């Protein structure tokens, strides 16, 4: 089942769009929806990136609801704070990056990136 975002709702970019100099988390408003056939990804037109008179088109996978983005940011901030205070065993968990809103941790010999 496809997730359909409502017209004029605010969304955040799920990934960087370097061709527009936009970053993951930048907020915009949906101004048009382009429904596609089942099995194909819907598209959206976005405006409001502090770029006057600019509209960009993106596939549905490149945007998330603003409430979801804010929740992920809050979880990431709490996790970073917890790890940076030393509330865990740094022999098994090492934090690599919390400053750029991407969290990479090493647990034992495993390496994973969250919220990238």
PDB file of N, CA and C in Angstrom:
ATOM      1  N   UNK A   1       0.836  -1.183   0.000  1.00  0.00           N
ATOM      2  CA  UNK A   1       0.000   0.000   0.000  1.00  0.00           C
ATOM      3  C   UNK A   1       0.882   1.249   0.000  1.00  0.00           C
ATOM      4  N   UNK A   2       0.558   2.175  -0.867  1.00  0.00           N
ATOM      5  CA  UNK A   2       1.328   3.414  -0.975  1.00  0.00           C
ATOM      6  C   UNK A   2       0.928   4.384   0.135  1.00  0.00           C
ATOM      7  N   UNK A   3       1.920   5.103   0.637  1.00  0.00           N
ATOM      8  CA  UNK A   3       1.660   6.197   1.568  1.00  0.00           C
ATOM      9  C   UNK A   3       1.444   7.449   0.726  1.00  0.00           C
ATOM     10  N   UNK A   4       0.325   8.130   0.957  1.00  0.00           N
ATOM     11  CA  UNK A   4       0.064   9.360   0.208  1.00  0.00           C
ATOM     12  C   UNK A   4       0.110  10.534   1.170  1.00  0.00           C
ATOM     13  N   UNK A   5       0.942  11.509   0.844  1.00  0.00           N
ATOM     14  CA  UNK A   5       1.048  12.719   1.643  1.00  0.00           C
ATOM     15  C   UNK A   5      -0.028  13.700   1.174  1.00  0.00           C
ATOM     16  N   UNK A   6      -0.573  14.454   2.107  1.00  0.00           N
ATOM     17  CA  UNK A   6      -1.626  15.416   1.779  1.00  0.00           C
ATOM     18  C   UNK A   6      -1.060  16.668   1.132  1.00  0.00           C
ATOM     19  N   UNK A   7      -1.813  17.230   0.194  1.00  0.00           N
ATOM     20  CA  UNK A   7      -1.412  18.508  -0.398  1.00  0.00           C
ATOM     21  C   UNK A   7      -1.297  19.568   0.687  1.00  0.00           C
ATOM     22  N   UNK A   8      -0.334  20.420   0.556  1.00  0.00           N
ATOM     23  CA  UNK A   8      -0.051  21.542   1.443  1.00  0.00           C
ATOM     24  C   UNK A   8       0.408  21.123   2.840  1.00  0.00           C
ATOM     25  N   UNK A   9       0.781  19.845   2.987  1.00  0.00           N
ATOM     26  CA  UNK A   9       1.370  19.419   4.260  1.00  0.00           C
ATOM     27  C   UNK A   9       2.872  19.640   4.193  1.00  0.00           C
ATOM     28  N   UNK A  10       3.481  19.800   5.372  1.00  0.00           N
ATOM     29  CA  UNK A  10       4.930  19.989   5.425  1.00  0.00           C
ATOM     30  C   UNK A  10       5.607  18.637   5.521  1.00  0.00           C
ATOM     31  N   UNK A  11       6.707  18.520   4.798  1.00  0.00           N
ATOM     32  CA  UNK A  11       7.509  17.301   4.806  1.00  0.00           C
ATOM     33  C   UNK A  11       8.977  17.682   4.918  1.00  0.00           C
ATOM     34  N   UNK A  12       9.784  16.705   5.303  1.00  0.00           N
ATOM     35  CA  UNK A  12      11.235  16.898   5.373  1.00  0.00           C
ATOM     36  C   UNK A  12      11.887  15.994   4.334  1.00  0.00           C
ATOM     37  N   UNK A  13      13.006  16.437   3.816  1.00  0.00           N
ATOM     38  CA  UNK A  13      13.750  15.604   2.877  1.00  0.00           C
ATOM     39  C   UNK A  13      14.365  14.425   3.628  1.00  0.00           C
ATOM     40  N   UNK A  14      14.230  13.247   3.071  1.00  0.00           N
ATOM     41  CA  UNK A  14      14.796  12.046   3.678  1.00  0.00           C
ATOM     42  C   UNK A  14      16.260  11.857   3.298  1.00  0.00           C
ATOM     43  N   UNK A  15      16.727  12.618   2.309  1.00  0.00           N
ATOM     44  CA  UNK A  15      18.126  12.530   1.883  1.00  0.00           C
ATOM     45  C   UNK A  15      18.548  13.844   1.234  1.00  0.00           C
ATOM     46  N   UNK A  16      19.842  14.026   1.119  1.00  0.00           N
ATOM     47  CA  UNK A  16      20.375  15.236   0.481  1.00  0.00           C
ATOM     48  C   UNK A  16      19.981  15.273  -1.000  1.00  0.00           C
ATOM     49  N   UNK A  17      19.775  16.481  -1.508  1.00  0.00           N
ATOM     50  CA  UNK A  17      19.579  16.705  -2.940  1.00  0.00           C
ATOM     51  C   UNK A  17      20.644  17.707  -3.382  1.00  0.00           C
ATOM     52  N   UNK A  18      21.865  17.235  -3.636  1.00  0.00           N
ATOM     53  CA  UNK A  18      22.980  18.141  -3.922  1.00  0.00           C
ATOM     54  C   UNK A  18      22.767  19.002  -5.161  1.00  0.00           C
ATOM     55  N   UNK A  19      21.984  18.520  -6.122  1.00  0.00           N
ATOM     56  CA  UNK A  19      21.753  19.315  -7.330  1.00  0.00           C
ATOM     57  C   UNK A  19      20.976  20.598  -7.044  1.00  0.00           C
ATOM     58  N   UNK A  20      20.291  20.644  -5.882  1.00  0.00           N
ATOM     59  CA  UNK A  20      19.564  21.850  -5.455  1.00  0.00           C
ATOM     60  C   UNK A  20      20.202  22.486  -4.228  1.00  0.00           C
ATOM     61  N   UNK A  21      21.328  21.938  -3.766  1.00  0.00           N
ATOM     62  CA  UNK A  21      22.000  22.396  -2.555  1.00  0.00           C
ATOM     63  C   UNK A  21      21.081  22.271  -1.336  1.00  0.00           C
ATOM     64  N   UNK A  22      20.297  21.190  -1.288  1.00  0.00           N
ATOM     65  CA  UNK A  22      19.377  20.933  -0.180  1.00  0.00           C
ATOM     66  C   UNK A  22      19.878  19.737   0.615  1.00  0.00           C
ATOM     67  N   UNK A  23      19.629  19.777   1.919  1.00  0.00           N
ATOM     68  CA  UNK A  23      20.126  18.756   2.830  1.00  0.00           C
ATOM     69  C   UNK A  23      18.983  17.954   3.437  1.00  0.00           C
ATOM     70  N   UNK A  24      19.315  16.748   3.860  1.00  0.00           N
ATOM     71  CA  UNK A  24      18.381  15.902   4.577  1.00  0.00           C
ATOM     72  C   UNK A  24      17.818  16.704   5.752  1.00  0.00           C
ATOM     73  N   UNK A  25      16.504  16.693   5.906  1.00  0.00           N
ATOM     74  CA  UNK A  25      15.872  17.422   6.997  1.00  0.00           C
ATOM     75  C   UNK A  25      15.335  18.780   6.608  1.00  0.00           C
ATOM     76  N   UNK A  26      15.743  19.327   5.444  1.00  0.00           N
ATOM     77  CA  UNK A  26      15.162  20.585   4.988  1.00  0.00           C
ATOM     78  C   UNK A  26      13.655  20.398   4.830  1.00  0.00           C
ATOM     79  N   UNK A  27      12.898  21.430   5.203  1.00  0.00           N
ATOM     80  CA  UNK A  27      11.434  21.347   5.229  1.00  0.00           C
ATOM     81  C   UNK A  27      10.840  22.101   4.048  1.00  0.00           C
ATOM     82  N   UNK A  28       9.801  21.514   3.471  1.00  0.00           N
ATOM     83  CA  UNK A  28       9.090  22.141   2.355  1.00  0.00           C
ATOM     84  C   UNK A  28       7.600  21.795   2.459  1.00  0.00           C
ATOM     85  N   UNK A  29       6.821  22.386   1.563  1.00  0.00           N
ATOM     86  CA  UNK A  29       5.385  22.144   1.505  1.00  0.00           C
ATOM     87  C   UNK A  29       5.048  21.443   0.197  1.00  0.00           C
ATOM     88  N   UNK A  30       4.212  20.422   0.282  1.00  0.00           N
ATOM     89  CA  UNK A  30       3.758  19.710  -0.913  1.00  0.00           C
ATOM     90  C   UNK A  30       2.735  20.578  -1.635  1.00  0.00           C
ATOM     91  N   UNK A  31       2.980  20.853  -2.912  1.00  0.00           N
ATOM     92  CA  UNK A  31       2.056  21.673  -3.689  1.00  0.00           C
ATOM     93  C   UNK A  31       1.401  20.894  -4.833  1.00  0.00           C
ATOM     94  N   UNK A  32       1.884  19.681  -5.098  1.00  0.00           N
ATOM     95  CA  UNK A  32       1.272  18.858  -6.140  1.00  0.00           C
ATOM     96  C   UNK A  32       1.616  17.393  -5.898  1.00  0.00           C
ATOM     97  N   UNK A  33       0.682  16.528  -6.249  1.00  0.00           N
ATOM     98  CA  UNK A  33       0.876  15.081  -6.120  1.00  0.00           C
ATOM     99  C   UNK A  33       0.704  14.459  -7.495  1.00  0.00           C
ATOM    100  N   UNK A  34       1.614  13.552  -7.861  1.00  0.00           N
ATOM    101  CA  UNK A  34       1.563  12.869  -9.146  1.00  0.00           C
ATOM    102  C   UNK A  34       1.384  11.375  -8.896  1.00  0.00           C
ATOM    103  N   UNK A  35       0.121  10.918  -8.829  1.00  0.00           N
ATOM    104  CA  UNK A  35      -0.107   9.485  -8.582  1.00  0.00           C
ATOM    105  C   UNK A  35       0.360   8.645  -9.763  1.00  0.00           C
ATOM    106  N   UNK A  36       0.920   7.495  -9.445  1.00  0.00           N
ATOM    107  CA  UNK A  36       1.409   6.576 -10.466  1.00  0.00           C
ATOM    108  C   UNK A  36       0.651   5.259 -10.342  1.00  0.00           C
ATOM    109  N   UNK A  37       0.829   4.399 -11.331  1.00  0.00           N
ATOM    110  CA  UNK A  37       0.213   3.083 -11.307  1.00  0.00           C
ATOM    111  C   UNK A  37       0.775   2.254 -10.158  1.00  0.00           C
ATOM    112  N   UNK A  38       0.021   1.241  -9.753  1.00  0.00           N
ATOM    113  CA  UNK A  38       0.481   0.342  -8.694  1.00  0.00           C
ATOM    114  C   UNK A  38       1.833  -0.239  -9.088  1.00  0.00           C
ATOM    115  N   UNK A  39       2.754  -0.271  -8.155  1.00  0.00           N
ATOM    116  CA  UNK A  39       4.095  -0.771  -8.421  1.00  0.00           C
ATOM    117  C   UNK A  39       5.087   0.310  -8.804  1.00  0.00           C
ATOM    118  N   UNK A  40       4.597   1.519  -9.066  1.00  0.00           N
ATOM    119  CA  UNK A  40       5.467   2.652  -9.381  1.00  0.00           C
ATOM    120  C   UNK A  40       5.362   3.680  -8.263  1.00  0.00           C
ATOM    121  N   UNK A  41       6.409   4.441  -8.087  1.00  0.00           N
ATOM    122  CA  UNK A  41       6.479   5.409  -6.991  1.00  0.00           C
ATOM    123  C   UNK A  41       5.808   6.732  -7.373  1.00  0.00           C
ATOM    124  N   UNK A  42       4.931   7.220  -6.482  1.00  0.00           N
ATOM    125  CA  UNK A  42       4.298   8.522  -6.696  1.00  0.00           C
ATOM    126  C   UNK A  42       5.341   9.624  -6.642  1.00  0.00           C
ATOM    127  N   UNK A  43       5.010  10.772  -7.218  1.00  0.00           N
ATOM    128  CA  UNK A  43       5.891  11.926  -7.178  1.00  0.00           C
ATOM    129  C   UNK A  43       5.191  13.111  -6.536  1.00  0.00           C
ATOM    130  N   UNK A  44       5.987  14.085  -6.100  1.00  0.00           N
ATOM    131  CA  UNK A  44       5.462  15.284  -5.442  1.00  0.00           C
ATOM    132  C   UNK A  44       6.242  16.503  -5.888  1.00  0.00           C
ATOM    133  N   UNK A  45       5.561  17.629  -5.974  1.00  0.00           N
ATOM    134  CA  UNK A  45       6.213  18.923  -6.170  1.00  0.00           C
ATOM    135  C   UNK A  45       6.285  19.602  -4.812  1.00  0.00           C
ATOM    136  N   UNK A  46       7.460  20.145  -4.510  1.00  0.00           N
ATOM    137  CA  UNK A  46       7.706  20.791  -3.217  1.00  0.00           C
ATOM    138  C   UNK A  46       8.131  22.234  -3.421  1.00  0.00           C
ATOM    139  N   UNK A  47       7.695  23.090  -2.508  1.00  0.00           N
ATOM    140  CA  UNK A  47       8.121  24.496  -2.485  1.00  0.00           C
ATOM    141  C   UNK A  47       8.412  24.890  -1.051  1.00  0.00           C
ATOM    142  N   UNK A  48       9.196  25.980  -0.905  1.00  0.00           N
ATOM    143  CA  UNK A  48       9.388  26.567   0.412  1.00  0.00           C
ATOM    144  C   UNK A  48      10.697  26.266   1.092  1.00  0.00           C
ATOM    145  N   UNK A  49      11.737  25.977   0.353  1.00  0.00           N
ATOM    146  CA  UNK A  49      13.055  25.720   0.939  1.00  0.00           C
ATOM    147  C   UNK A  49      13.833  27.012   1.129  1.00  0.00           C
ATOM    148  N   UNK A  50      13.170  28.086   1.430  1.00  0.00           N
ATOM    149  CA  UNK A  50      13.806  29.400   1.495  1.00  0.00           C
ATOM    150  C   UNK A  50      14.403  29.777   0.145  1.00  0.00           C
ATOM    151  N   UNK A  51      13.832  29.219  -0.898  1.00  0.00           N
ATOM    152  CA  UNK A  51      14.239  29.514  -2.272  1.00  0.00           C
ATOM    153  C   UNK A  51      13.009  30.060  -2.998  1.00  0.00           C
ATOM    154  N   UNK A  52      12.894  31.374  -3.143  1.00  0.00           N
ATOM    155  CA  UNK A  52      11.700  31.933  -3.777  1.00  0.00           C
ATOM    156  C   UNK A  52      11.549  31.463  -5.222  1.00  0.00           C
ATOM    157  N   UNK A  53      10.319  31.167  -5.594  1.00  0.00           N
ATOM    158  CA  UNK A  53       9.961  30.809  -6.963  1.00  0.00           C
ATOM    159  C   UNK A  53      10.639  29.527  -7.442  1.00  0.00           C
ATOM    160  N   UNK A  54      10.967  28.626  -6.520  1.00  0.00           N
ATOM    161  CA  UNK A  54      11.588  27.368  -6.901  1.00  0.00           C
ATOM    162  C   UNK A  54      10.666  26.225  -6.480  1.00  0.00           C
ATOM    163  N   UNK A  55      10.351  25.367  -7.434  1.00  0.00           N
ATOM    164  CA  UNK A  55       9.578  24.153  -7.185  1.00  0.00           C
ATOM    165  C   UNK A  55      10.418  22.976  -7.647  1.00  0.00           C
ATOM    166  N   UNK A  56      10.527  21.959  -6.802  1.00  0.00           N
ATOM    167  CA  UNK A  56      11.270  20.766  -7.204  1.00  0.00           C
ATOM    168  C   UNK A  56      10.333  19.565  -7.164  1.00  0.00           C
ATOM    169  N   UNK A  57      10.602  18.590  -8.003  1.00  0.00           N
ATOM    170  CA  UNK A  57       9.846  17.355  -8.030  1.00  0.00           C
ATOM    171  C   UNK A  57      10.702  16.238  -7.449  1.00  0.00           C
ATOM    172  N   UNK A  58      10.083  15.447  -6.575  1.00  0.00           N
ATOM    173  CA  UNK A  58      10.797  14.336  -5.943  1.00  0.00           C
ATOM    174  C   UNK A  58       9.889  13.106  -5.891  1.00  0.00           C
ATOM    175  N   UNK A  59      10.499  11.918  -5.870  1.00  0.00           N
ATOM    176  CA  UNK A  59       9.708  10.709  -5.635  1.00  0.00           C
ATOM    177  C   UNK A  59       9.305  10.629  -4.159  1.00  0.00           C
ATOM    178  N   UNK A  60       8.263   9.879  -3.883  1.00  0.00           N
ATOM    179  CA  UNK A  60       7.744   9.766  -2.515  1.00  0.00           C
ATOM    180  C   UNK A  60       8.801   9.281  -1.525  1.00  0.00           C
ATOM    181  N   UNK A  61       9.740   8.458  -1.968  1.00  0.00           N
ATOM    182  CA  UNK A  61      10.756   7.910  -1.064  1.00  0.00           C
ATOM    183  C   UNK A  61      11.729   8.971  -0.553  1.00  0.00           C
ATOM    184  N   UNK A  62      11.748  10.160  -1.149  1.00  0.00           N
ATOM    185  CA  UNK A  62      12.682  11.200  -0.728  1.00  0.00           C
ATOM    186  C   UNK A  62      12.091  12.164   0.291  1.00  0.00           C
ATOM    187  N   UNK A  63      10.858  11.924   0.740  1.00  0.00           N
ATOM    188  CA  UNK A  63      10.252  12.809   1.733  1.00  0.00           C
ATOM    189  C   UNK A  63       9.623  11.997   2.854  1.00  0.00           C
ATOM    190  N   UNK A  64       9.577  12.610   4.036  1.00  0.00           N
ATOM    191  CA  UNK A  64       8.892  12.012   5.189  1.00  0.00           C
ATOM    192  C   UNK A  64       8.073  13.099   5.866  1.00  0.00           C
ATOM    193  N   UNK A  65       6.986  12.709   6.545  1.00  0.00           N
ATOM    194  CA  UNK A  65       6.192  13.710   7.262  1.00  0.00           C
ATOM    195  C   UNK A  65       7.043  14.455   8.290  1.00  0.00           C
ATOM    196  N   UNK A  66       6.775  15.728   8.459  1.00  0.00           N
ATOM    197  CA  UNK A  66       7.571  16.554   9.369  1.00  0.00           C
ATOM    198  C   UNK A  66       7.518  16.020  10.802  1.00  0.00           C
ATOM    199  N   UNK A  67       6.379  15.486  11.214  1.00  0.00           N
ATOM    200  CA  UNK A  67       6.256  14.931  12.575  1.00  0.00           C
ATOM    201  C   UNK A  67       7.204  13.744  12.758  1.00  0.00           C
ATOM    202  N   UNK A  68       7.335  12.903  11.738  1.00  0.00           N
ATOM    203  CA  UNK A  68       8.253  11.766  11.805  1.00  0.00           C
ATOM    204  C   UNK A  68       9.697  12.253  11.885  1.00  0.00           C
ATOM    205  N   UNK A  69      10.034  13.265  11.087  1.00  0.00           N
ATOM    206  CA  UNK A  69      11.393  13.819  11.119  1.00  0.00           C
ATOM    207  C   UNK A  69      11.718  14.383  12.499  1.00  0.00           C
ATOM    208  N   UNK A  70      10.784  15.122  13.070  1.00  0.00           N
ATOM    209  CA  UNK A  70      11.014  15.712  14.389  1.00  0.00           C
ATOM    210  C   UNK A  70      11.181  14.633  15.452  1.00  0.00           C
ATOM    211  N   UNK A  71      10.405  13.556  15.349  1.00  0.00           N
ATOM    212  CA  UNK A  71      10.529  12.459  16.306  1.00  0.00           C
ATOM    213  C   UNK A  71      11.891  11.780  16.181  1.00  0.00           C
ATOM    214  N   UNK A  72      12.349  11.552  14.951  1.00  0.00           N
ATOM    215  CA  UNK A  72      13.660  10.938  14.748  1.00  0.00           C
ATOM    216  C   UNK A  72      14.775  11.837  15.276  1.00  0.00           C
ATOM    217  N   UNK A  73      14.649  13.151  15.078  1.00  0.00           N
ATOM    218  CA  UNK A  73      15.647  14.099  15.586  1.00  0.00           C
ATOM    219  C   UNK A  73      15.699  14.061  17.119  1.00  0.00           C
ATOM    220  N   UNK A  74      14.531  13.977  17.754  1.00  0.00           N
ATOM    221  CA  UNK A  74      14.470  13.933  19.215  1.00  0.00           C
ATOM    222  C   UNK A  74      15.117  12.647  19.739  1.00  0.00           C
ATOM    223  N   UNK A  75      14.816  11.523  19.110  1.00  0.00           N
ATOM    224  CA  UNK A  75      15.411  10.253  19.528  1.00  0.00           C
ATOM    225  C   UNK A  75      16.921  10.292  19.350  1.00  0.00           C
ATOM    226  N   UNK A  76      17.377  10.798  18.217  1.00  0.00           N
ATOM    227  CA  UNK A  76      18.814  10.887  17.958  1.00  0.00           C
ATOM    228  C   UNK A  76      19.509  11.778  18.979  1.00  0.00           C
ATOM    229  N   UNK A  77      18.905  12.921  19.287  1.00  0.00           N
ATOM    230  CA  UNK A  77      19.506  13.840  20.262  1.00  0.00           C
ATOM    231  C   UNK A  77      19.627  13.179  21.634  1.00  0.00           C
ATOM    232  N   UNK A  78      18.586  12.467  22.052  1.00  0.00           N
ATOM    233  CA  UNK A  78      18.629  11.785  23.352  1.00  0.00           C
ATOM    234  C   UNK A  78      19.678  10.686  23.366  1.00  0.00           C
ATOM    235  N   UNK A  79      19.750   9.921  22.277  1.00  0.00           N
ATOM    236  CA  UNK A  79      20.732   8.846  22.210  1.00  0.00           C
ATOM    237  C   UNK A  79      22.151   9.394  22.215  1.00  0.00           C
ATOM    238  N   UNK A  80      22.392  10.450  21.438  1.00  0.00           N
ATOM    239  CA  UNK A  80      23.720  11.070  21.417  1.00  0.00           C
ATOM    240  C   UNK A  80      24.101  11.590  22.796  1.00  0.00           C
ATOM    241  N   UNK A  81      23.162  12.255  23.446  1.00  0.00           N
ATOM    242  CA  UNK A  81      23.423  12.789  24.785  1.00  0.00           C
ATOM    243  C   UNK A  81      23.761  11.658  25.751  1.00  0.00           C
ATOM    244  N   UNK A  82      23.004  10.603  25.692  1.00  0.00           N
ATOM    245  CA  UNK A  82      23.221   9.453  26.570  1.00  0.00           C
ATOM    246  C   UNK A  82      24.603   8.856  26.343  1.00  0.00           C
ATOM    247  N   UNK A  83      24.971   8.654  25.089  1.00  0.00           N
ATOM    248  CA  UNK A  83      26.264   8.049  24.790  1.00  0.00           C
ATOM    249  C   UNK A  83      27.430   8.989  25.110  1.00  0.00           C
ATOM    250  N   UNK A  84      27.264  10.286  24.837  1.00  0.00           N
ATOM    251  CA  UNK A  84      28.347  11.243  25.089  1.00  0.00           C
ATOM    252  C   UNK A  84      28.592  11.456  26.582  1.00  0.00           C
ATOM    253  N   UNK A  85      27.595  11.185  27.416  1.00  0.00           N
ATOM    254  CA  UNK A  85      27.774  11.315  28.868  1.00  0.00           C
ATOM    255  C   UNK A  85      28.500  10.118  29.453  1.00  0.00           C
ATOM    256  N   UNK A  86      28.748   9.111  28.622  1.00  0.00           N
ATOM    257  CA  UNK A  86      29.469   7.942  29.110  1.00  0.00           C
ATOM    258  C   UNK A  86      28.587   6.977  29.865  1.00  0.00           C
ATOM    259  N   UNK A  87      27.313   6.938  29.539  1.00  0.00           N
ATOM    260  CA  UNK A  87      26.368   6.061  30.234  1.00  0.00           C
ATOM    261  C   UNK A  87      26.356   4.665  29.630  1.00  0.00           C
ATOM    262  N   UNK A  88      27.424   4.289  29.002  1.00  0.00           N
ATOM    263  CA  UNK A  88      27.502   2.950  28.431  1.00  0.00           C
ATOM    264  C   UNK A  88      28.946   2.490  28.484  1.00  0.00           C
ATOM    265  N   UNK A  89      29.167   1.278  28.127  1.00  0.00           N
ATOM    266  CA  UNK A  89      30.498   0.700  28.149  1.00  0.00           C
ATOM    267  C   UNK A  89      31.194   1.002  26.831  1.00  0.00           C
ATOM    268  N   UNK A  90      32.138   1.935  26.836  1.00  0.00           N
ATOM    269  CA  UNK A  90      32.826   2.332  25.606  1.00  0.00           C
ATOM    270  C   UNK A  90      33.770   1.259  25.092  1.00  0.00           C
ATOM    271  N   UNK A  91      33.978   0.188  25.864  1.00  0.00           N
ATOM    272  CA  UNK A  91      34.773  -0.916  25.328  1.00  0.00           C
ATOM    273  C   UNK A  91      33.979  -1.663  24.264  1.00  0.00           C
ATOM    274  N   UNK A  92      32.661  -1.616  24.355  1.00  0.00           N
ATOM    275  CA  UNK A  92      31.837  -2.322  23.375  1.00  0.00           C
ATOM    276  C   UNK A  92      31.080  -1.380  22.458  1.00  0.00           C
ATOM    277  N   UNK A  93      30.855  -0.138  22.879  1.00  0.00           N
ATOM    278  CA  UNK A  93      30.122   0.816  22.055  1.00  0.00           C
ATOM    279  C   UNK A  93      30.969   2.059  21.869  1.00  0.00           C
ATOM    280  N   UNK A  94      31.223   2.436  20.635  1.00  0.00           N
ATOM    281  CA  UNK A  94      31.963   3.658  20.322  1.00  0.00           C
ATOM    282  C   UNK A  94      31.107   4.528  19.428  1.00  0.00           C
ATOM    283  N   UNK A  95      30.998   5.792  19.778  1.00  0.00           N
ATOM    284  CA  UNK A  95      30.217   6.707  18.952  1.00  0.00           C
ATOM    285  C   UNK A  95      31.142   7.412  17.985  1.00  0.00           C
ATOM    286  N   UNK A  96      30.757   7.489  16.730  1.00  0.00           N
ATOM    287  CA  UNK A  96      31.603   8.088  15.714  1.00  0.00           C
ATOM    288  C   UNK A  96      31.134   9.467  15.293  1.00  0.00           C
ATOM    289  N   UNK A  97      29.836   9.712  15.270  1.00  0.00           N
ATOM    290  CA  UNK A  97      29.380  11.016  14.808  1.00  0.00           C
ATOM    291  C   UNK A  97      27.977  11.307  15.297  1.00  0.00           C
ATOM    292  N   UNK A  98      27.839  12.332  16.116  1.00  0.00           N
ATOM    293  CA  UNK A  98      26.525  12.823  16.517  1.00  0.00           C
ATOM    294  C   UNK A  98      26.366  14.268  16.067  1.00  0.00           C
ATOM    295  N   UNK A  99      27.424  14.893  15.701  1.00  0.00           N
ATOM    296  CA  UNK A  99      27.392  16.327  15.408  1.00  0.00           C
ATOM    297  C   UNK A  99      26.668  16.666  14.109  1.00  0.00           C
ATOM    298  N   UNK A 100      26.725  15.760  13.125  1.00  0.00           N
ATOM    299  CA  UNK A 100      26.130  16.066  11.833  1.00  0.00           C
ATOM    300  C   UNK A 100      24.785  15.367  11.626  1.00  0.00           C
ATOM    301  N   UNK A 101      24.115  15.033  12.698  1.00  0.00           N
ATOM    302  CA  UNK A 101      22.797  14.402  12.677  1.00  0.00           C
ATOM    303  C   UNK A 101      22.816  13.033  12.011  1.00  0.00           C
ATOM    304  N   UNK A 102      23.942  12.401  12.058  1.00  0.00           N
ATOM    305  CA  UNK A 102      24.073  11.026  11.618  1.00  0.00           C
ATOM    306  C   UNK A 102      24.780  10.303  12.747  1.00  0.00           C
ATOM    307  N   UNK A 103      24.275   9.174  13.124  1.00  0.00           N
ATOM    308  CA  UNK A 103      24.853   8.455  14.250  1.00  0.00           C
ATOM    309  C   UNK A 103      25.416   7.137  13.768  1.00  0.00           C
ATOM    310  N   UNK A 104      26.687   6.965  13.964  1.00  0.00           N
ATOM    311  CA  UNK A 104      27.328   5.698  13.636  1.00  0.00           C
ATOM    312  C   UNK A 104      27.909   5.143  14.920  1.00  0.00           C
ATOM    313  N   UNK A 105      27.630   3.889  15.200  1.00  0.00           N
ATOM    314  CA  UNK A 105      28.164   3.287  16.417  1.00  0.00           C
ATOM    315  C   UNK A 105      28.800   1.948  16.085  1.00  0.00           C
ATOM    316  N   UNK A 106      29.750   1.568  16.908  1.00  0.00           N
ATOM    317  CA  UNK A 106      30.367   0.253  16.783  1.00  0.00           C
ATOM    318  C   UNK A 106      29.998  -0.527  18.043  1.00  0.00           C
ATOM    319  N   UNK A 107      29.381  -1.668  17.827  1.00  0.00           N
ATOM    320  CA  UNK A 107      29.020  -2.545  18.932  1.00  0.00           C
ATOM    321  C   UNK A 107      29.789  -3.836  18.712  1.00  0.00           C
ATOM    322  N   UNK A 108      30.795  -4.054  19.563  1.00  0.00           N
ATOM    323  CA  UNK A 108      31.667  -5.195  19.355  1.00  0.00           C
ATOM    324  C   UNK A 108      32.355  -5.070  18.004  1.00  0.00           C
ATOM    325  N   UNK A 109      32.166  -6.050  17.148  1.00  0.00           N
ATOM    326  CA  UNK A 109      32.785  -5.988  15.821  1.00  0.00           C
ATOM    327  C   UNK A 109      31.791  -5.536  14.757  1.00  0.00           C
ATOM    328  N   UNK A 110      30.551  -5.259  15.130  1.00  0.00           N
ATOM    329  CA  UNK A 110      29.546  -4.818  14.166  1.00  0.00           C
ATOM    330  C   UNK A 110      29.559  -3.306  14.040  1.00  0.00           C
ATOM    331  N   UNK A 111      29.275  -2.825  12.843  1.00  0.00           N
ATOM    332  CA  UNK A 111      29.220  -1.374  12.602  1.00  0.00           C
ATOM    333  C   UNK A 111      27.901  -1.059  11.919  1.00  0.00           C
ATOM    334  N   UNK A 112      27.149  -0.131  12.484  1.00  0.00           N
ATOM    335  CA  UNK A 112      25.885   0.245  11.892  1.00  0.00           C
ATOM    336  C   UNK A 112      25.732   1.759  11.922  1.00  0.00           C
ATOM    337  N   UNK A 113      24.976   2.299  10.975  1.00  0.00           N
ATOM    338  CA  UNK A 113      24.664   3.734  10.937  1.00  0.00           C
ATOM    339  C   UNK A 113      23.171   3.894  11.094  1.00  0.00           C
ATOM    340  N   UNK A 114      22.769   4.791  11.982  1.00  0.00           N
ATOM    341  CA  UNK A 114      21.365   5.050  12.219  1.00  0.00           C
ATOM    342  C   UNK A 114      21.049   6.501  11.874  1.00  0.00           C
ATOM    343  N   UNK A 115      19.841   6.747  11.396  1.00  0.00           N
ATOM    344  CA  UNK A 115      19.338   8.089  11.096  1.00  0.00           C
ATOM    345  C   UNK A 115      20.210   8.794  10.079  1.00  0.00           C
ATOM    346  N   UNK A 116      20.764   8.091   9.160  1.00  0.00           N
ATOM    347  CA  UNK A 116      21.627   8.735   8.163  1.00  0.00           C
ATOM    348  C   UNK A 116      20.787   9.392   7.096  1.00  0.00           C
TER     349      UNK A 116
END
